[in-house]
Amino acid sequence: MTTVTTPAALALSSPRRSRLAWAAADSMAVARRNIIGMTRRPQLLGIVTIQPVLFVLMFRYVLGGSIHVPGQSYVNYLMAGIFVETVMFGAQNTAIGMAEDLRSGLIERFRSLVMARSAVLAGRVLADALRNVFVIVLMLGVGYLVGFRPRTGPAALATAGAVLLLFGLAISWVAALLGLTAKSAEAAGAAALPLTVLLGFPSSAFLLTSTLPGPLRAYADHQPVTATVNIIRPLLLGGPTATHAVTAILWCAGLIAVFAPLSVLRYRRAT
């Protein structure tokens, strides 16, 4: 286990730093600990990446022939959804990691240190954001191999990456709450899977929502995955972005505003 030396432990000797600065420094220290843990357990990263790769192959070569999108190739339409789904799959690790830390007693050790209470959660989410950067780049390469070709420039691609990271941050807070609530790491993984399915499949990620029946279409059109996919797609392929960007950002901000405080509250009450 990696030892974490929290900057807040030095707060009494450096009183000029604000509490926010100490919380940020503590979060970075915990994030570093989690990143080191990822490098020592590469099989976890492999699990996170193999699922979206399988989805690409399945939808591209097994189901793609029966799904038609007017005006463009299905593989180009598909990849925006795959990028968002990749981030969703990564959130399962957030839930599992929080459950493992809680049940192993590590969080109790963190509580005994002079550190910000939010740092354990924020550090986990920050580490997962860095993992998302790696996985998004990997999936961009996989998409290129199966025929995906972006039609926009570097600035639009960078913006799409930033939106994906923001969405990943929002979903990670939801997953963190699931992990803190679950009784075990296995239960946390099981709880995170329905979240991925219920948000990912009834959305615009893999097909046109206009093909869905009425009530299901209404749900698909008004949920965070569809909102995020609808801004990623024009950023990759071209098209209007303003309205979609506002909707996606509002969804992400709303999820963070609701689930970050709930996660911190649950963390404080966890035993």
C-alpha atoms as a PDB file:
ATOM      1  CA  MET A   1       0.000   0.000   0.000  1.00  0.00           C
ATOM      2  CA  THR A   2       1.269   3.425  -0.934  1.00  0.00           C
ATOM      3  CA  THR A   3       1.802   5.824   1.956  1.00  0.00           C
ATOM      4  CA  VAL A   4       0.117   9.209   1.559  1.00  0.00           C
ATOM      5  CA  THR A   5       1.634  12.238   3.227  1.00  0.00           C
ATOM      6  CA  THR A   6      -1.077  14.871   3.217  1.00  0.00           C
ATOM      7  CA  PRO A   7      -0.116  18.520   2.822  1.00  0.00           C
ATOM      8  CA  ALA A   8      -2.766  19.465   5.371  1.00  0.00           C
ATOM      9  CA  ALA A   9      -0.674  17.777   8.044  1.00  0.00           C
ATOM     10  CA  LEU A  10       1.640  20.766   7.753  1.00  0.00           C
ATOM     11  CA  ALA A  11      -1.160  23.313   8.035  1.00  0.00           C
ATOM     12  CA  LEU A  12      -0.353  24.397  11.570  1.00  0.00           C
ATOM     13  CA  SER A  13       3.168  25.360  10.560  1.00  0.00           C
ATOM     14  CA  SER A  14       1.986  27.221   7.422  1.00  0.00           C
ATOM     15  CA  PRO A  15      -1.175  29.088   8.463  1.00  0.00           C
ATOM     16  CA  ARG A  16      -1.152  31.477   5.489  1.00  0.00           C
ATOM     17  CA  ARG A  17      -2.523  28.918   3.025  1.00  0.00           C
ATOM     18  CA  SER A  18      -6.299  28.856   2.667  1.00  0.00           C
ATOM     19  CA  ARG A  19      -8.428  25.842   3.505  1.00  0.00           C
ATOM     20  CA  LEU A  20      -9.306  25.506  -0.180  1.00  0.00           C
ATOM     21  CA  ALA A  21      -5.613  25.361  -1.083  1.00  0.00           C
ATOM     22  CA  TRP A  22      -5.021  22.639   1.504  1.00  0.00           C
ATOM     23  CA  ALA A  23      -8.013  20.667   0.221  1.00  0.00           C
ATOM     24  CA  ALA A  24      -6.691  20.901  -3.334  1.00  0.00           C
ATOM     25  CA  ALA A  25      -3.213  19.791  -2.241  1.00  0.00           C
ATOM     26  CA  ASP A  26      -4.654  16.878  -0.258  1.00  0.00           C
ATOM     27  CA  SER A  27      -6.739  15.822  -3.245  1.00  0.00           C
ATOM     28  CA  MET A  28      -3.662  15.807  -5.480  1.00  0.00           C
ATOM     29  CA  ALA A  29      -1.787  13.678  -2.929  1.00  0.00           C
ATOM     30  CA  VAL A  30      -4.585  11.103  -2.830  1.00  0.00           C
ATOM     31  CA  ALA A  31      -4.871  11.187  -6.625  1.00  0.00           C
ATOM     32  CA  ARG A  32      -1.155  10.424  -6.870  1.00  0.00           C
ATOM     33  CA  ARG A  33      -1.626   7.460  -4.538  1.00  0.00           C
ATOM     34  CA  ASN A  34      -4.463   6.119  -6.729  1.00  0.00           C
ATOM     35  CA  ILE A  35      -2.473   6.613  -9.944  1.00  0.00           C
ATOM     36  CA  ILE A  36       0.431   4.656  -8.486  1.00  0.00           C
ATOM     37  CA  GLY A  37      -2.064   1.935  -7.555  1.00  0.00           C
ATOM     38  CA  MET A  38      -3.292   1.795 -11.167  1.00  0.00           C
ATOM     39  CA  THR A  39       0.239   1.320 -12.479  1.00  0.00           C
ATOM     40  CA  ARG A  40       0.732  -1.586 -10.069  1.00  0.00           C
ATOM     41  CA  ARG A  41      -2.542  -3.254 -11.120  1.00  0.00           C
ATOM     42  CA  PRO A  42      -2.564  -2.960 -14.929  1.00  0.00           C
ATOM     43  CA  GLN A  43      -5.184  -5.691 -15.210  1.00  0.00           C
ATOM     44  CA  LEU A  44      -7.793  -3.216 -13.963  1.00  0.00           C
ATOM     45  CA  LEU A  45      -6.955  -0.819 -16.775  1.00  0.00           C
ATOM     46  CA  GLY A  46      -7.190  -3.718 -19.196  1.00  0.00           C
ATOM     47  CA  ILE A  47     -10.693  -4.561 -17.988  1.00  0.00           C
ATOM     48  CA  VAL A  48     -11.817  -0.952 -18.465  1.00  0.00           C
ATOM     49  CA  THR A  49     -10.461  -0.811 -22.028  1.00  0.00           C
ATOM     50  CA  ILE A  50     -11.531  -4.229 -23.311  1.00  0.00           C
ATOM     51  CA  GLN A  51     -15.265  -3.523 -22.881  1.00  0.00           C
ATOM     52  CA  PRO A  52     -15.434  -0.498 -25.211  1.00  0.00           C
ATOM     53  CA  VAL A  53     -13.156  -2.251 -27.724  1.00  0.00           C
ATOM     54  CA  LEU A  54     -15.594  -5.168 -27.808  1.00  0.00           C
ATOM     55  CA  PHE A  55     -18.465  -2.712 -28.250  1.00  0.00           C
ATOM     56  CA  VAL A  56     -16.708  -1.132 -31.228  1.00  0.00           C
ATOM     57  CA  LEU A  57     -16.187  -4.499 -32.882  1.00  0.00           C
ATOM     58  CA  MET A  58     -19.712  -5.709 -32.146  1.00  0.00           C
ATOM     59  CA  PHE A  59     -21.526  -2.621 -33.399  1.00  0.00           C
ATOM     60  CA  ARG A  60     -19.141  -2.056 -36.301  1.00  0.00           C
ATOM     61  CA  TYR A  61     -19.070  -5.574 -37.711  1.00  0.00           C
ATOM     62  CA  VAL A  62     -21.981  -7.509 -36.164  1.00  0.00           C
ATOM     63  CA  LEU A  63     -24.854  -5.026 -35.775  1.00  0.00           C
ATOM     64  CA  GLY A  64     -23.655  -2.091 -37.871  1.00  0.00           C
ATOM     65  CA  GLY A  65     -24.858  -3.544 -41.150  1.00  0.00           C
ATOM     66  CA  SER A  66     -28.491  -3.409 -39.994  1.00  0.00           C
ATOM     67  CA  ILE A  67     -28.324   0.147 -38.585  1.00  0.00           C
ATOM     68  CA  HIS A  68     -28.550   2.945 -41.146  1.00  0.00           C
ATOM     69  CA  VAL A  69     -27.862   6.601 -40.437  1.00  0.00           C
ATOM     70  CA  PRO A  70     -28.859   9.004 -43.244  1.00  0.00           C
ATOM     71  CA  GLY A  71     -26.055  11.139 -44.625  1.00  0.00           C
ATOM     72  CA  GLN A  72     -23.042   9.460 -43.016  1.00  0.00           C
ATOM     73  CA  SER A  73     -21.335   6.152 -42.364  1.00  0.00           C
ATOM     74  CA  TYR A  74     -22.421   4.275 -39.283  1.00  0.00           C
ATOM     75  CA  VAL A  75     -18.872   3.954 -37.934  1.00  0.00           C
ATOM     76  CA  ASN A  76     -18.533   7.743 -37.796  1.00  0.00           C
ATOM     77  CA  TYR A  77     -21.903   8.006 -36.074  1.00  0.00           C
ATOM     78  CA  LEU A  78     -20.982   5.186 -33.680  1.00  0.00           C
ATOM     79  CA  MET A  79     -17.685   6.479 -32.340  1.00  0.00           C
ATOM     80  CA  ALA A  80     -19.127   9.509 -30.543  1.00  0.00           C
ATOM     81  CA  GLY A  81     -21.291   7.125 -28.533  1.00  0.00           C
ATOM     82  CA  ILE A  82     -18.362   4.791 -27.940  1.00  0.00           C
ATOM     83  CA  PHE A  83     -16.279   7.610 -26.442  1.00  0.00           C
ATOM     84  CA  VAL A  84     -19.063   8.460 -23.997  1.00  0.00           C
ATOM     85  CA  GLU A  85     -19.666   4.800 -23.174  1.00  0.00           C
ATOM     86  CA  THR A  86     -15.941   4.365 -22.520  1.00  0.00           C
ATOM     87  CA  VAL A  87     -16.110   7.026 -19.828  1.00  0.00           C
ATOM     88  CA  MET A  88     -19.221   5.352 -18.396  1.00  0.00           C
ATOM     89  CA  PHE A  89     -17.446   2.004 -18.168  1.00  0.00           C
ATOM     90  CA  GLY A  90     -14.540   3.691 -16.369  1.00  0.00           C
ATOM     91  CA  ALA A  91     -16.910   4.948 -13.693  1.00  0.00           C
ATOM     92  CA  GLN A  92     -17.416   1.354 -12.566  1.00  0.00           C
ATOM     93  CA  ASN A  93     -13.818   1.408 -11.324  1.00  0.00           C
ATOM     94  CA  THR A  94     -14.599   4.494  -9.266  1.00  0.00           C
ATOM     95  CA  ALA A  95     -17.409   2.652  -7.488  1.00  0.00           C
ATOM     96  CA  ILE A  96     -15.310  -0.483  -6.962  1.00  0.00           C
ATOM     97  CA  GLY A  97     -12.281   1.491  -5.753  1.00  0.00           C
ATOM     98  CA  MET A  98     -14.281   3.471  -3.203  1.00  0.00           C
ATOM     99  CA  ALA A  99     -15.912   0.289  -1.898  1.00  0.00           C
ATOM    100  CA  GLU A 100     -12.516  -1.425  -1.577  1.00  0.00           C
ATOM    101  CA  ASP A 101     -10.999   1.535   0.290  1.00  0.00           C
ATOM    102  CA  LEU A 102     -13.959   1.712   2.635  1.00  0.00           C
ATOM    103  CA  ARG A 103     -14.170  -1.995   3.448  1.00  0.00           C
ATOM    104  CA  SER A 104     -10.389  -2.465   3.783  1.00  0.00           C
ATOM    105  CA  GLY A 105     -10.169   0.168   6.520  1.00  0.00           C
ATOM    106  CA  LEU A 106      -8.049   2.542   4.447  1.00  0.00           C
ATOM    107  CA  ILE A 107     -10.589   5.330   4.719  1.00  0.00           C
ATOM    108  CA  GLU A 108     -10.484   5.006   8.517  1.00  0.00           C
ATOM    109  CA  ARG A 109      -6.733   5.606   8.342  1.00  0.00           C
ATOM    110  CA  PHE A 110      -7.302   8.679   6.169  1.00  0.00           C
ATOM    111  CA  ARG A 111      -9.780   9.975   8.736  1.00  0.00           C
ATOM    112  CA  SER A 112      -7.100   9.834  11.412  1.00  0.00           C
ATOM    113  CA  LEU A 113      -4.929  12.228   9.390  1.00  0.00           C
ATOM    114  CA  VAL A 114      -5.148  16.013   9.338  1.00  0.00           C
ATOM    115  CA  MET A 115      -6.608  16.303   5.847  1.00  0.00           C
ATOM    116  CA  ALA A 116      -9.660  17.606   4.025  1.00  0.00           C
ATOM    117  CA  ARG A 117     -12.606  15.212   4.221  1.00  0.00           C
ATOM    118  CA  SER A 118     -13.353  15.718   0.523  1.00  0.00           C
ATOM    119  CA  ALA A 119      -9.782  14.846  -0.536  1.00  0.00           C
ATOM    120  CA  VAL A 120     -10.314  11.070  -0.562  1.00  0.00           C
ATOM    121  CA  LEU A 121     -13.241  11.400  -2.947  1.00  0.00           C
ATOM    122  CA  ALA A 122     -11.758  14.180  -5.062  1.00  0.00           C
ATOM    123  CA  GLY A 123      -8.453  12.319  -5.331  1.00  0.00           C
ATOM    124  CA  ARG A 124     -10.213   9.206  -6.601  1.00  0.00           C
ATOM    125  CA  VAL A 125     -12.173  11.215  -9.166  1.00  0.00           C
ATOM    126  CA  LEU A 126      -9.051  13.084 -10.362  1.00  0.00           C
ATOM    127  CA  ALA A 127      -7.132   9.826 -10.813  1.00  0.00           C
ATOM    128  CA  ASP A 128     -10.016   8.391 -12.795  1.00  0.00           C
ATOM    129  CA  ALA A 129     -10.007  11.501 -14.993  1.00  0.00           C
ATOM    130  CA  LEU A 130      -6.366  10.842 -15.864  1.00  0.00           C
ATOM    131  CA  ARG A 131      -7.239   7.247 -16.681  1.00  0.00           C
ATOM    132  CA  ASN A 132     -10.007   8.526 -18.950  1.00  0.00           C
ATOM    133  CA  VAL A 133      -7.462  10.564 -20.919  1.00  0.00           C
ATOM    134  CA  PHE A 134      -5.494   7.399 -21.659  1.00  0.00           C
ATOM    135  CA  VAL A 135      -8.579   5.362 -22.581  1.00  0.00           C
ATOM    136  CA  ILE A 136     -10.028   8.087 -24.838  1.00  0.00           C
ATOM    137  CA  VAL A 137      -6.762   8.311 -26.774  1.00  0.00           C
ATOM    138  CA  LEU A 138      -6.694   4.533 -27.061  1.00  0.00           C
ATOM    139  CA  MET A 139     -10.264   4.404 -28.360  1.00  0.00           C
ATOM    140  CA  LEU A 140      -9.467   7.128 -30.896  1.00  0.00           C
ATOM    141  CA  GLY A 141      -6.805   4.807 -32.282  1.00  0.00           C
ATOM    142  CA  VAL A 142      -9.182   1.821 -32.273  1.00  0.00           C
ATOM    143  CA  GLY A 143     -11.789   3.890 -34.080  1.00  0.00           C
ATOM    144  CA  TYR A 144      -9.279   4.872 -36.748  1.00  0.00           C
ATOM    145  CA  LEU A 145      -8.457   1.209 -37.329  1.00  0.00           C
ATOM    146  CA  VAL A 146     -12.120   0.341 -37.988  1.00  0.00           C
ATOM    147  CA  GLY A 147     -12.717   3.260 -40.343  1.00  0.00           C
ATOM    148  CA  PHE A 148     -13.564   6.256 -38.180  1.00  0.00           C
ATOM    149  CA  ARG A 149     -12.391   9.552 -39.678  1.00  0.00           C
ATOM    150  CA  PRO A 150     -12.939  12.871 -37.821  1.00  0.00           C
ATOM    151  CA  ARG A 151     -13.930  15.773 -40.061  1.00  0.00           C
ATOM    152  CA  THR A 152     -12.953  18.641 -37.771  1.00  0.00           C
ATOM    153  CA  GLY A 153      -9.667  20.169 -36.667  1.00  0.00           C
ATOM    154  CA  PRO A 154      -7.479  19.820 -33.573  1.00  0.00           C
ATOM    155  CA  ALA A 155      -9.339  22.536 -31.644  1.00  0.00           C
ATOM    156  CA  ALA A 156     -12.671  20.727 -32.013  1.00  0.00           C
ATOM    157  CA  LEU A 157     -11.078  17.414 -31.071  1.00  0.00           C
ATOM    158  CA  ALA A 158      -9.532  18.978 -27.965  1.00  0.00           C
ATOM    159  CA  THR A 159     -12.915  20.466 -27.029  1.00  0.00           C
ATOM    160  CA  ALA A 160     -14.548  17.064 -27.448  1.00  0.00           C
ATOM    161  CA  GLY A 161     -11.925  15.602 -25.111  1.00  0.00           C
ATOM    162  CA  ALA A 162     -12.622  18.298 -22.525  1.00  0.00           C
ATOM    163  CA  VAL A 163     -16.370  17.598 -22.663  1.00  0.00           C
ATOM    164  CA  LEU A 164     -15.724  13.873 -22.218  1.00  0.00           C
ATOM    165  CA  LEU A 165     -13.547  14.556 -19.167  1.00  0.00           C
ATOM    166  CA  LEU A 166     -16.235  16.807 -17.690  1.00  0.00           C
ATOM    167  CA  PHE A 167     -18.838  14.106 -18.245  1.00  0.00           C
ATOM    168  CA  GLY A 168     -16.474  11.546 -16.723  1.00  0.00           C
ATOM    169  CA  LEU A 169     -16.028  13.778 -13.675  1.00  0.00           C
ATOM    170  CA  ALA A 170     -19.801  14.031 -13.238  1.00  0.00           C
ATOM    171  CA  ILE A 171     -20.413  10.293 -13.613  1.00  0.00           C
ATOM    172  CA  SER A 172     -17.519   9.495 -11.273  1.00  0.00           C
ATOM    173  CA  TRP A 173     -19.270  11.361  -8.469  1.00  0.00           C
ATOM    174  CA  VAL A 174     -22.381   9.244  -9.064  1.00  0.00           C
ATOM    175  CA  ALA A 175     -20.229   6.109  -9.004  1.00  0.00           C
ATOM    176  CA  ALA A 176     -18.421   7.265  -5.848  1.00  0.00           C
ATOM    177  CA  LEU A 177     -21.736   7.469  -4.024  1.00  0.00           C
ATOM    178  CA  LEU A 178     -22.610   3.958  -5.215  1.00  0.00           C
ATOM    179  CA  GLY A 179     -19.247   2.681  -3.985  1.00  0.00           C
ATOM    180  CA  LEU A 180     -19.668   4.246  -0.560  1.00  0.00           C
ATOM    181  CA  THR A 181     -23.179   2.834  -0.245  1.00  0.00           C
ATOM    182  CA  ALA A 182     -22.402  -0.712  -1.415  1.00  0.00           C
ATOM    183  CA  LYS A 183     -21.551  -3.440   1.072  1.00  0.00           C
ATOM    184  CA  SER A 184     -18.609  -4.771  -0.958  1.00  0.00           C
ATOM    185  CA  ALA A 185     -16.542  -4.127  -4.073  1.00  0.00           C
ATOM    186  CA  GLU A 186     -18.536  -6.795  -5.910  1.00  0.00           C
ATOM    187  CA  ALA A 187     -21.806  -5.111  -4.961  1.00  0.00           C
ATOM    188  CA  ALA A 188     -20.419  -1.744  -6.077  1.00  0.00           C
ATOM    189  CA  GLY A 189     -19.524  -3.142  -9.506  1.00  0.00           C
ATOM    190  CA  ALA A 190     -22.949  -4.747  -9.793  1.00  0.00           C
ATOM    191  CA  ALA A 191     -24.652  -1.462  -8.847  1.00  0.00           C
ATOM    192  CA  ALA A 192     -22.637   0.533 -11.394  1.00  0.00           C
ATOM    193  CA  LEU A 193     -23.472  -1.788 -14.296  1.00  0.00           C
ATOM    194  CA  PRO A 194     -27.223  -0.968 -14.442  1.00  0.00           C
ATOM    195  CA  LEU A 195     -26.314   2.725 -14.444  1.00  0.00           C
ATOM    196  CA  THR A 196     -24.235   2.141 -17.574  1.00  0.00           C
ATOM    197  CA  VAL A 197     -26.937   0.082 -19.270  1.00  0.00           C
ATOM    198  CA  LEU A 198     -29.903   2.304 -18.398  1.00  0.00           C
ATOM    199  CA  LEU A 199     -28.133   5.459 -19.550  1.00  0.00           C
ATOM    200  CA  GLY A 200     -26.052   4.063 -22.407  1.00  0.00           C
ATOM    201  CA  PHE A 201     -28.389   1.956 -24.507  1.00  0.00           C
ATOM    202  CA  PRO A 202     -31.597   4.051 -24.538  1.00  0.00           C
ATOM    203  CA  SER A 203     -29.722   7.066 -25.905  1.00  0.00           C
ATOM    204  CA  SER A 204     -28.344   8.470 -29.143  1.00  0.00           C
ATOM    205  CA  ALA A 205     -25.043   6.657 -28.570  1.00  0.00           C
ATOM    206  CA  PHE A 206     -25.685   3.742 -30.934  1.00  0.00           C
ATOM    207  CA  LEU A 207     -28.823   4.587 -32.915  1.00  0.00           C
ATOM    208  CA  LEU A 208     -31.200   7.364 -33.849  1.00  0.00           C
ATOM    209  CA  THR A 209     -33.616   8.045 -31.003  1.00  0.00           C
ATOM    210  CA  SER A 210     -36.341   8.698 -33.589  1.00  0.00           C
ATOM    211  CA  THR A 211     -36.539   4.920 -34.082  1.00  0.00           C
ATOM    212  CA  LEU A 212     -37.574   4.332 -30.451  1.00  0.00           C
ATOM    213  CA  PRO A 213     -41.208   4.121 -29.268  1.00  0.00           C
ATOM    214  CA  GLY A 214     -42.736   7.276 -27.773  1.00  0.00           C
ATOM    215  CA  PRO A 215     -42.079   7.068 -23.983  1.00  0.00           C
ATOM    216  CA  LEU A 216     -38.654   5.494 -24.464  1.00  0.00           C
ATOM    217  CA  ARG A 217     -37.753   8.139 -27.026  1.00  0.00           C
ATOM    218  CA  ALA A 218     -38.746  10.897 -24.583  1.00  0.00           C
ATOM    219  CA  TYR A 219     -36.472   9.361 -21.955  1.00  0.00           C
ATOM    220  CA  ALA A 220     -33.614   8.860 -24.428  1.00  0.00           C
ATOM    221  CA  ASP A 221     -33.815  12.458 -25.629  1.00  0.00           C
ATOM    222  CA  HIS A 222     -33.678  13.925 -22.132  1.00  0.00           C
ATOM    223  CA  GLN A 223     -30.855  12.210 -20.262  1.00  0.00           C
ATOM    224  CA  PRO A 224     -27.162  13.015 -19.781  1.00  0.00           C
ATOM    225  CA  VAL A 225     -25.631  10.440 -22.139  1.00  0.00           C
ATOM    226  CA  THR A 226     -27.668  11.666 -25.097  1.00  0.00           C
ATOM    227  CA  ALA A 227     -26.867  15.274 -24.188  1.00  0.00           C
ATOM    228  CA  THR A 228     -23.135  14.479 -24.136  1.00  0.00           C
ATOM    229  CA  VAL A 229     -23.167  12.380 -27.312  1.00  0.00           C
ATOM    230  CA  ASN A 230     -25.075  15.129 -29.129  1.00  0.00           C
ATOM    231  CA  ILE A 231     -22.245  17.620 -28.503  1.00  0.00           C
ATOM    232  CA  ILE A 232     -19.394  15.153 -29.082  1.00  0.00           C
ATOM    233  CA  ARG A 233     -20.753  14.115 -32.493  1.00  0.00           C
ATOM    234  CA  PRO A 234     -20.697  17.585 -34.148  1.00  0.00           C
ATOM    235  CA  LEU A 235     -17.341  18.314 -32.534  1.00  0.00           C
ATOM    236  CA  LEU A 236     -15.971  15.247 -34.322  1.00  0.00           C
ATOM    237  CA  LEU A 237     -17.950  15.382 -37.563  1.00  0.00           C
ATOM    238  CA  GLY A 238     -18.976  19.015 -37.910  1.00  0.00           C
ATOM    239  CA  GLY A 239     -22.293  20.771 -37.345  1.00  0.00           C
ATOM    240  CA  PRO A 240     -23.923  23.192 -34.895  1.00  0.00           C
ATOM    241  CA  THR A 241     -22.753  22.872 -31.314  1.00  0.00           C
ATOM    242  CA  ALA A 242     -24.005  25.811 -29.234  1.00  0.00           C
ATOM    243  CA  THR A 243     -27.363  24.443 -28.034  1.00  0.00           C
ATOM    244  CA  HIS A 244     -25.991  20.941 -27.482  1.00  0.00           C
ATOM    245  CA  ALA A 245     -23.020  22.331 -25.532  1.00  0.00           C
ATOM    246  CA  VAL A 246     -25.265  24.243 -23.130  1.00  0.00           C
ATOM    247  CA  THR A 247     -27.432  21.163 -22.514  1.00  0.00           C
ATOM    248  CA  ALA A 248     -24.440  18.881 -21.895  1.00  0.00           C
ATOM    249  CA  ILE A 249     -22.721  21.339 -19.548  1.00  0.00           C
ATOM    250  CA  LEU A 250     -25.922  21.860 -17.559  1.00  0.00           C
ATOM    251  CA  TRP A 251     -26.344  18.107 -17.158  1.00  0.00           C
ATOM    252  CA  CYS A 252     -22.755  17.682 -15.981  1.00  0.00           C
ATOM    253  CA  ALA A 253     -22.939  20.633 -13.618  1.00  0.00           C
ATOM    254  CA  GLY A 254     -26.225  19.346 -12.203  1.00  0.00           C
ATOM    255  CA  LEU A 255     -24.841  15.849 -11.585  1.00  0.00           C
ATOM    256  CA  ILE A 256     -21.770  17.257  -9.834  1.00  0.00           C
ATOM    257  CA  ALA A 257     -23.836  19.707  -7.778  1.00  0.00           C
ATOM    258  CA  VAL A 258     -26.093  16.890  -6.550  1.00  0.00           C
ATOM    259  CA  PHE A 259     -23.800  13.878  -6.195  1.00  0.00           C
ATOM    260  CA  ALA A 260     -20.546  15.483  -4.995  1.00  0.00           C
ATOM    261  CA  PRO A 261     -22.125  16.809  -1.766  1.00  0.00           C
ATOM    262  CA  LEU A 262     -24.053  13.556  -1.302  1.00  0.00           C
ATOM    263  CA  SER A 263     -20.833  11.562  -1.698  1.00  0.00           C
ATOM    264  CA  VAL A 264     -18.994  13.724   0.845  1.00  0.00           C
ATOM    265  CA  LEU A 265     -21.926  13.408   3.257  1.00  0.00           C
ATOM    266  CA  ARG A 266     -22.003   9.653   2.821  1.00  0.00           C
ATOM    267  CA  TYR A 267     -18.235   9.483   3.297  1.00  0.00           C
ATOM    268  CA  ARG A 268     -18.486  11.344   6.589  1.00  0.00           C
ATOM    269  CA  ARG A 269     -21.130   8.917   7.824  1.00  0.00           C
ATOM    270  CA  ALA A 270     -19.499   5.744   6.500  1.00  0.00           C
ATOM    271  CA  THR A 271     -18.103   3.318   9.042  1.00  0.00           C
END
